[in-house]
N, C-alpha and C. Protein backbone atom coordinates (compact mmCIF):
# COMPACT_ATOMS: atom_id res chain seq x y z
N MET A 1 96.51 107.00 88.06
CA MET A 1 97.40 108.10 87.69
C MET A 1 97.97 108.75 88.94
N SER A 2 99.26 108.96 88.95
CA SER A 2 99.93 109.53 90.10
C SER A 2 99.93 111.06 90.02
N ILE A 3 99.59 111.69 91.14
CA ILE A 3 99.59 113.16 91.22
C ILE A 3 100.37 113.56 92.46
N ALA A 4 100.59 114.87 92.62
CA ALA A 4 101.26 115.39 93.80
C ALA A 4 100.53 116.63 94.30
N ARG A 5 100.47 116.76 95.61
CA ARG A 5 99.86 117.93 96.25
C ARG A 5 100.75 118.37 97.40
N HIS A 6 100.85 119.70 97.56
CA HIS A 6 101.54 120.28 98.71
C HIS A 6 100.45 120.80 99.64
N VAL A 7 100.53 120.40 100.91
CA VAL A 7 99.48 120.72 101.88
C VAL A 7 100.08 121.47 103.05
N ARG A 8 99.40 122.53 103.49
CA ARG A 8 99.80 123.28 104.70
C ARG A 8 98.62 123.21 105.67
N ILE A 9 98.90 122.76 106.90
CA ILE A 9 97.87 122.59 107.91
C ILE A 9 98.17 123.55 109.05
N ARG A 10 97.16 124.36 109.41
CA ARG A 10 97.32 125.33 110.49
C ARG A 10 96.34 125.02 111.62
N GLY A 11 96.72 125.39 112.82
CA GLY A 11 95.92 125.16 114.02
C GLY A 11 96.83 124.68 115.12
N ARG A 12 96.31 123.88 116.04
CA ARG A 12 97.16 123.26 117.05
C ARG A 12 97.60 121.91 116.48
N VAL A 13 98.69 121.96 115.71
CA VAL A 13 99.13 120.78 114.97
C VAL A 13 100.58 120.39 115.27
N GLN A 14 101.22 121.12 116.17
CA GLN A 14 102.56 120.73 116.62
C GLN A 14 102.46 120.34 118.09
N GLY A 15 103.22 119.32 118.47
CA GLY A 15 103.19 118.85 119.84
C GLY A 15 102.03 117.93 120.16
N VAL A 16 101.32 117.48 119.11
CA VAL A 16 100.17 116.59 119.29
C VAL A 16 100.32 115.33 118.44
N PHE A 17 101.56 115.01 118.08
CA PHE A 17 101.88 113.81 117.29
C PHE A 17 101.26 113.84 115.89
N PHE A 18 101.04 115.05 115.35
CA PHE A 18 100.41 115.17 114.02
C PHE A 18 101.27 114.51 112.95
N ARG A 19 102.59 114.72 113.00
CA ARG A 19 103.45 114.18 111.94
C ARG A 19 103.47 112.66 111.95
N ALA A 20 103.62 112.05 113.12
CA ALA A 20 103.63 110.58 113.20
C ALA A 20 102.28 110.02 112.77
N TRP A 21 101.21 110.69 113.19
CA TRP A 21 99.86 110.26 112.80
C TRP A 21 99.70 110.36 111.27
N ALA A 22 100.15 111.48 110.69
CA ALA A 22 100.04 111.67 109.23
C ALA A 22 100.84 110.60 108.48
N ARG A 23 102.03 110.28 108.98
CA ARG A 23 102.84 109.22 108.37
C ARG A 23 102.08 107.89 108.38
N ASP A 24 101.53 107.54 109.52
CA ASP A 24 100.80 106.27 109.63
C ASP A 24 99.57 106.25 108.72
N GLU A 25 98.83 107.35 108.68
CA GLU A 25 97.64 107.43 107.82
C GLU A 25 98.03 107.36 106.34
N ALA A 26 99.12 108.05 105.97
CA ALA A 26 99.58 108.04 104.58
C ALA A 26 99.96 106.63 104.15
N ARG A 27 100.68 105.94 105.02
CA ARG A 27 101.08 104.57 104.70
C ARG A 27 99.86 103.67 104.58
N SER A 28 98.85 103.88 105.41
CA SER A 28 97.67 103.01 105.37
C SER A 28 96.84 103.20 104.11
N VAL A 29 96.88 104.40 103.51
CA VAL A 29 96.11 104.62 102.27
C VAL A 29 96.99 104.55 101.03
N GLY A 30 98.30 104.33 101.22
CA GLY A 30 99.20 104.15 100.08
C GLY A 30 99.71 105.42 99.44
N VAL A 31 99.88 106.47 100.24
CA VAL A 31 100.41 107.74 99.73
C VAL A 31 101.87 107.86 100.12
N CYS A 32 102.70 108.30 99.18
CA CYS A 32 104.12 108.57 99.44
C CYS A 32 104.30 110.06 99.69
N GLY A 33 105.43 110.42 100.29
CA GLY A 33 105.72 111.83 100.51
C GLY A 33 106.43 112.08 101.81
N TRP A 34 106.20 113.27 102.38
CA TRP A 34 106.83 113.65 103.64
C TRP A 34 105.96 114.65 104.36
N VAL A 35 106.25 114.81 105.66
CA VAL A 35 105.55 115.79 106.50
C VAL A 35 106.58 116.40 107.44
N ARG A 36 106.45 117.71 107.73
CA ARG A 36 107.38 118.36 108.65
C ARG A 36 106.73 119.56 109.32
N ASN A 37 107.27 119.91 110.48
CA ASN A 37 106.83 121.12 111.19
C ASN A 37 107.46 122.33 110.51
N CYS A 38 106.74 123.45 110.56
CA CYS A 38 107.25 124.72 110.04
C CYS A 38 107.47 125.68 111.21
N SER A 39 108.35 126.65 111.02
CA SER A 39 108.70 127.57 112.09
C SER A 39 107.53 128.44 112.53
N ASP A 40 106.50 128.59 111.68
CA ASP A 40 105.34 129.42 112.04
C ASP A 40 104.28 128.65 112.83
N GLY A 41 104.58 127.39 113.19
CA GLY A 41 103.63 126.59 113.97
C GLY A 41 102.72 125.70 113.14
N SER A 42 102.82 125.82 111.83
CA SER A 42 102.01 124.97 110.95
C SER A 42 102.78 123.68 110.63
N VAL A 43 102.11 122.80 109.90
CA VAL A 43 102.71 121.57 109.41
C VAL A 43 102.54 121.57 107.90
N GLU A 44 103.56 121.16 107.16
CA GLU A 44 103.43 121.04 105.71
C GLU A 44 103.75 119.63 105.28
N ALA A 45 103.16 119.24 104.16
CA ALA A 45 103.36 117.88 103.66
C ALA A 45 103.38 117.88 102.14
N GLN A 46 104.17 116.97 101.60
CA GLN A 46 104.18 116.67 100.17
C GLN A 46 103.53 115.30 100.03
N LEU A 47 102.46 115.23 99.25
CA LEU A 47 101.72 113.98 99.06
C LEU A 47 101.82 113.56 97.62
N GLU A 48 102.16 112.30 97.37
CA GLU A 48 102.27 111.78 96.01
C GLU A 48 101.60 110.41 95.94
N GLY A 49 100.88 110.20 94.85
CA GLY A 49 100.24 108.91 94.65
C GLY A 49 98.95 109.02 93.87
N ASP A 50 98.09 108.03 94.07
CA ASP A 50 96.80 107.97 93.41
C ASP A 50 95.91 109.12 93.91
N SER A 51 95.20 109.77 92.99
CA SER A 51 94.40 110.94 93.36
C SER A 51 93.35 110.61 94.43
N GLU A 52 92.72 109.45 94.35
CA GLU A 52 91.72 109.08 95.36
C GLU A 52 92.35 108.90 96.73
N ALA A 53 93.52 108.29 96.79
CA ALA A 53 94.22 108.10 98.06
C ALA A 53 94.64 109.44 98.65
N ILE A 54 95.12 110.35 97.81
CA ILE A 54 95.51 111.68 98.28
C ILE A 54 94.30 112.43 98.81
N GLU A 55 93.17 112.37 98.10
CA GLU A 55 91.96 113.05 98.58
C GLU A 55 91.51 112.47 99.92
N GLU A 56 91.63 111.15 100.08
CA GLU A 56 91.27 110.52 101.34
C GLU A 56 92.17 111.01 102.47
N LEU A 57 93.48 111.09 102.21
CA LEU A 57 94.42 111.55 103.22
C LEU A 57 94.16 113.01 103.57
N ILE A 58 93.90 113.85 102.59
CA ILE A 58 93.61 115.26 102.86
C ILE A 58 92.36 115.39 103.72
N ALA A 59 91.34 114.58 103.45
CA ALA A 59 90.13 114.61 104.27
C ALA A 59 90.47 114.23 105.72
N LEU A 60 91.33 113.23 105.91
CA LEU A 60 91.75 112.86 107.26
C LEU A 60 92.53 114.00 107.92
N MET A 61 93.38 114.67 107.16
CA MET A 61 94.17 115.78 107.70
C MET A 61 93.29 116.95 108.13
N ARG A 62 92.16 117.11 107.50
CA ARG A 62 91.24 118.19 107.90
C ARG A 62 90.68 117.95 109.30
N GLU A 63 90.68 116.70 109.74
CA GLU A 63 90.24 116.34 111.10
C GLU A 63 91.42 116.27 112.06
N GLY A 64 92.50 115.62 111.63
CA GLY A 64 93.69 115.48 112.45
C GLY A 64 93.55 114.40 113.50
N PRO A 65 94.63 114.15 114.22
CA PRO A 65 94.61 113.12 115.27
C PRO A 65 93.94 113.66 116.54
N PRO A 66 93.65 112.77 117.48
CA PRO A 66 93.13 113.24 118.78
C PRO A 66 94.11 114.22 119.41
N GLY A 67 93.62 115.30 119.95
CA GLY A 67 94.50 116.30 120.57
C GLY A 67 94.84 117.45 119.66
N ALA A 68 94.69 117.26 118.36
CA ALA A 68 94.97 118.35 117.41
C ALA A 68 93.70 119.19 117.19
N ARG A 69 93.91 120.43 116.77
CA ARG A 69 92.81 121.28 116.32
C ARG A 69 93.22 121.87 114.97
N VAL A 70 92.56 121.42 113.92
CA VAL A 70 92.88 121.89 112.58
C VAL A 70 91.98 123.07 112.25
N ASP A 71 92.60 124.23 112.02
CA ASP A 71 91.85 125.44 111.69
C ASP A 71 91.77 125.68 110.19
N ASP A 72 92.81 125.28 109.46
CA ASP A 72 92.86 125.58 108.02
C ASP A 72 93.76 124.56 107.32
N VAL A 73 93.34 124.13 106.15
CA VAL A 73 94.15 123.25 105.30
C VAL A 73 94.19 123.86 103.91
N GLN A 74 95.38 124.17 103.44
CA GLN A 74 95.57 124.71 102.09
C GLN A 74 96.22 123.64 101.24
N VAL A 75 95.65 123.42 100.06
CA VAL A 75 96.14 122.39 99.15
C VAL A 75 96.52 123.04 97.83
N GLN A 76 97.72 122.76 97.36
CA GLN A 76 98.19 123.27 96.07
C GLN A 76 98.71 122.11 95.22
N GLN A 77 98.54 122.25 93.91
CA GLN A 77 99.17 121.28 93.01
C GLN A 77 100.67 121.38 93.19
N ALA A 78 101.36 120.27 93.03
CA ALA A 78 102.81 120.25 93.19
C ALA A 78 103.43 119.35 92.13
N ASP A 79 104.71 119.55 91.91
CA ASP A 79 105.45 118.67 91.02
C ASP A 79 105.87 117.43 91.80
N PRO A 80 105.67 116.24 91.24
CA PRO A 80 106.10 115.03 91.94
C PRO A 80 107.61 115.03 92.15
N GLU A 81 108.03 114.57 93.32
CA GLU A 81 109.45 114.44 93.64
C GLU A 81 109.92 113.01 93.40
N GLY A 82 109.02 112.12 92.98
CA GLY A 82 109.39 110.73 92.72
C GLY A 82 109.63 109.92 93.99
N LEU A 83 108.90 110.25 95.04
CA LEU A 83 109.09 109.58 96.33
C LEU A 83 108.45 108.20 96.32
N ASP A 84 109.06 107.25 97.05
CA ASP A 84 108.54 105.88 97.04
C ASP A 84 108.12 105.40 98.42
N HIS A 85 108.12 106.31 99.43
CA HIS A 85 107.64 105.99 100.76
C HIS A 85 107.25 107.30 101.45
N PHE A 86 106.76 107.23 102.69
CA PHE A 86 106.34 108.43 103.41
C PHE A 86 107.19 108.58 104.66
N THR A 87 107.76 109.77 104.87
CA THR A 87 108.65 110.00 105.99
C THR A 87 108.27 111.26 106.76
N VAL A 88 108.72 111.30 108.00
CA VAL A 88 108.66 112.52 108.81
C VAL A 88 110.00 113.22 108.67
N ARG A 89 109.96 114.46 108.23
CA ARG A 89 111.20 115.25 108.12
C ARG A 89 111.33 116.16 109.33
N HIS A 90 112.60 116.43 109.69
CA HIS A 90 112.86 117.28 110.86
C HIS A 90 113.60 118.53 110.46
């Protein structure tokens, strides 16, 4: 069953390749969606796909890539946008 989640990640998550890392991790677990930097220094993402794959990706996001420091991850239910791949938005 396909679900969607909106995720906001706070900490040192900009300038540490978080978006490219999240894209690669999403593709490896089969999650569609997007990720982008926010003006407040956080990163937000729309995740769509199998609930187990999304939970796996969120767990990875709680750790982040090398060089990042994740202080907080907020997850909300979201409406699916019907995305068929994962992209970095600017």
